[in-house]
Amino acid sequence: MSRRRPEPVHLIKQRRDAALSALVDGVPYIRSMGITFDRRGDELTAVLNYDDKLIGNPFLPALHGGATASFLETAAIIELSFQMLWDEIENGRLEAEDLRPETLPRLPKTIDFTVDYLRSGLPRDAYARARVNRSGRRYASVHVEAWQDNRNRLFAQATGHFLMPARPG
């Protein structure tokens, strides 16, 4: 009995990048906010690229609270969706190269989302990482942390609960 050879790492990376790209490109709002994602292995870091339109208080200046909340919620939804999408690809139910906005699985829907504003967001790039605390067939709980210059000095954090879309099969 012969063992199947492990798949080359570069092919797995290409599939993960294709899946993430299809997911992010399928949500035009992400692009309009200037949010990008940096993927290292299975860890996603959301990046809110600074733009003057994100300033809420020009006298400080500080990032608008709505832009901050939107950034955190987007990071949470994309993290949940990417985990769900990657599971579908790894199980052979979806092919990464076939993903287009019209063929993507539905995104999770927000049930509630609570943001803690810990300090003013400065006029520069911001970063966020989401951690899925629980993800079941119908419900998921996610915690998100955002920082700018120092990962240990958060400027906002959030907790959200999401209704998960029905999966085929």
Protein backbone atom coordinates (compact mmCIF):
# COMPACT_ATOMS: atom_id res chain seq x y z
CA MET A 1 0.00 0.00 0.00
CA SER A 2 1.55 3.29 -1.07
CA ARG A 3 1.04 6.57 0.76
CA ARG A 4 -0.14 9.63 -1.04
CA ARG A 5 2.58 12.25 -1.30
CA PRO A 6 1.92 15.50 0.54
CA GLU A 7 0.86 18.35 -1.66
CA PRO A 8 3.60 20.94 -2.36
CA VAL A 9 3.39 23.95 -0.06
CA HIS A 10 3.39 26.47 -2.92
CA LEU A 11 0.15 24.95 -4.27
CA ILE A 12 -1.54 25.25 -0.88
CA LYS A 13 -0.37 28.88 -0.63
CA GLN A 14 -1.74 29.62 -4.11
CA ARG A 15 -5.12 28.11 -3.19
CA ARG A 16 -5.30 30.05 0.09
CA ASP A 17 -4.36 33.32 -1.63
CA ALA A 18 -6.91 32.71 -4.40
CA ALA A 19 -9.64 31.97 -1.85
CA LEU A 20 -8.85 35.08 0.19
CA SER A 21 -8.67 37.27 -2.91
CA ALA A 22 -12.03 36.00 -4.18
CA LEU A 23 -13.60 36.56 -0.77
CA VAL A 24 -12.29 40.13 -0.37
CA ASP A 25 -12.99 41.08 -4.01
CA GLY A 26 -16.57 39.86 -3.56
CA VAL A 27 -17.29 42.69 -1.08
CA PRO A 28 -16.86 46.11 -2.78
CA TYR A 29 -17.23 47.92 0.57
CA ILE A 30 -13.89 46.47 1.70
CA ARG A 31 -12.13 48.14 -1.22
CA SER A 32 -13.94 51.46 -0.68
CA MET A 33 -12.80 51.51 2.96
CA GLY A 34 -9.21 50.80 1.91
CA ILE A 35 -9.03 47.55 3.87
CA THR A 36 -6.56 44.89 2.76
CA PHE A 37 -5.58 41.56 4.28
CA ASP A 38 -2.16 40.09 4.96
CA ARG A 39 -2.16 36.29 5.20
CA ARG A 40 0.59 34.31 6.92
CA GLY A 41 -0.34 30.64 7.00
CA ASP A 42 -3.89 30.54 8.31
CA GLU A 43 -3.55 33.85 10.22
CA LEU A 44 -5.14 36.96 8.73
CA THR A 45 -4.24 40.52 9.63
CA ALA A 46 -6.64 43.17 8.39
CA VAL A 47 -5.04 46.48 7.42
CA LEU A 48 -7.00 49.73 7.36
CA ASN A 49 -4.85 51.81 5.03
CA TYR A 50 -4.91 55.43 6.15
CA ASP A 51 -6.91 57.93 4.12
CA ASP A 52 -8.03 61.45 5.08
CA LYS A 53 -11.67 60.39 4.53
CA LEU A 54 -11.39 58.17 7.65
CA ILE A 55 -10.85 61.13 9.99
CA GLY A 56 -13.81 61.90 12.24
CA ASN A 57 -12.33 64.72 14.32
CA PRO A 58 -9.96 66.90 12.28
CA PHE A 59 -8.93 68.92 15.37
CA LEU A 60 -7.22 65.95 17.07
CA PRO A 61 -7.06 64.37 14.31
CA ALA A 62 -8.60 60.97 15.09
CA LEU A 63 -10.12 58.11 13.10
CA HIS A 64 -13.90 58.19 12.96
CA GLY A 65 -15.53 55.75 15.40
CA GLY A 66 -17.75 54.40 12.63
CA ALA A 67 -14.73 53.68 10.43
CA THR A 68 -13.07 51.90 13.36
CA ALA A 69 -16.17 49.81 14.10
CA SER A 70 -16.62 48.96 10.43
CA PHE A 71 -12.97 47.92 10.18
CA LEU A 72 -13.30 45.61 13.20
CA GLU A 73 -16.55 44.08 11.96
CA THR A 74 -15.06 43.50 8.51
CA ALA A 75 -12.03 41.78 10.06
CA ALA A 76 -14.35 39.49 12.06
CA ILE A 77 -16.57 38.59 9.09
CA ILE A 78 -13.66 37.92 6.74
CA GLU A 79 -11.91 35.76 9.37
CA LEU A 80 -15.07 33.68 9.86
CA SER A 81 -15.72 33.47 6.13
CA PHE A 82 -12.12 32.56 5.29
CA GLN A 83 -12.14 29.72 7.84
CA MET A 84 -15.45 28.43 6.45
CA LEU A 85 -14.28 28.81 2.84
CA TRP A 86 -10.94 27.14 3.47
CA ASP A 87 -12.69 24.19 5.13
CA GLU A 88 -14.92 23.81 2.05
CA ILE A 89 -11.87 23.90 -0.26
CA GLU A 90 -9.85 21.43 1.83
CA ASN A 91 -12.78 19.00 1.94
CA GLY A 92 -13.07 19.15 -1.85
CA ARG A 93 -16.54 20.74 -1.91
CA LEU A 94 -15.21 23.91 -3.57
CA GLU A 95 -12.38 24.63 -5.99
CA ALA A 96 -10.39 27.82 -5.28
CA GLU A 97 -9.94 28.55 -8.98
CA ASP A 98 -13.74 28.48 -9.52
CA LEU A 99 -14.43 31.17 -6.90
CA ARG A 100 -16.01 34.35 -8.15
CA PRO A 101 -18.30 36.80 -6.34
CA GLU A 102 -21.37 34.96 -7.68
CA THR A 103 -20.09 31.50 -6.61
CA LEU A 104 -18.88 32.42 -3.12
CA PRO A 105 -20.74 31.07 -0.09
CA ARG A 106 -22.86 33.64 1.73
CA LEU A 107 -21.22 35.77 4.42
CA PRO A 108 -22.13 35.45 8.11
CA LYS A 109 -24.74 37.96 9.31
CA THR A 110 -24.09 40.13 12.33
CA ILE A 111 -26.36 39.45 15.31
CA ASP A 112 -24.64 41.96 17.59
CA PHE A 113 -21.31 43.74 17.66
CA THR A 114 -19.89 45.61 20.64
CA VAL A 115 -16.89 47.91 20.24
CA ASP A 116 -14.67 49.15 23.05
CA TYR A 117 -12.85 52.35 22.04
CA LEU A 118 -9.72 52.29 24.18
CA ARG A 119 -8.00 55.42 22.79
CA SER A 120 -8.16 57.67 19.75
CA GLY A 121 -7.15 56.10 16.46
CA LEU A 122 -4.28 58.14 15.05
CA PRO A 123 -4.08 59.31 11.42
CA ARG A 124 -2.08 56.31 10.21
CA ASP A 125 -2.56 52.68 9.16
CA ALA A 126 -4.37 50.40 11.60
CA TYR A 127 -4.19 46.62 11.98
CA ALA A 128 -6.64 44.08 13.37
CA ARG A 129 -6.76 40.38 14.08
CA ALA A 130 -9.88 38.40 14.78
CA ARG A 131 -10.03 35.29 16.93
CA VAL A 132 -12.96 32.94 16.51
CA ASN A 133 -14.04 31.87 19.99
CA ARG A 134 -16.78 29.55 18.81
CA SER A 135 -18.03 28.58 15.40
CA GLY A 136 -20.86 26.14 15.00
CA ARG A 137 -23.31 25.35 12.22
CA ARG A 138 -25.61 28.25 13.10
CA TYR A 139 -23.76 30.66 15.38
CA ALA A 140 -20.25 32.08 15.84
CA SER A 141 -18.57 34.31 18.40
CA VAL A 142 -15.53 36.41 17.45
CA HIS A 143 -13.19 38.76 19.32
CA VAL A 144 -11.20 41.39 17.38
CA GLU A 145 -8.29 43.57 18.50
CA ALA A 146 -6.97 46.64 16.67
CA TRP A 147 -3.70 48.50 17.06
CA GLN A 148 -1.54 50.92 15.14
CA ASP A 149 2.13 51.24 16.08
CA ASN A 150 2.38 48.71 18.89
CA ARG A 151 0.56 45.35 18.95
CA ASN A 152 0.41 45.54 22.76
CA ARG A 153 -1.22 48.99 22.75
CA LEU A 154 -4.73 48.44 21.40
CA PHE A 155 -6.84 51.41 20.33
CA ALA A 156 -10.05 49.37 19.95
CA GLN A 157 -11.42 45.90 20.47
CA ALA A 158 -14.75 44.27 19.75
CA THR A 159 -16.82 41.17 20.32
CA GLY A 160 -19.38 40.02 17.81
CA HIS A 161 -21.92 37.27 17.40
CA PHE A 162 -22.86 36.08 13.95
CA LEU A 163 -25.49 33.94 12.29
CA MET A 164 -23.65 31.47 10.07
CA PRO A 165 -24.96 30.78 6.58
CA ALA A 166 -26.33 27.34 5.84
CA ARG A 167 -23.72 25.07 4.31
CA PRO A 168 -24.54 22.78 1.43
CA GLY A 169 -24.96 19.11 2.30
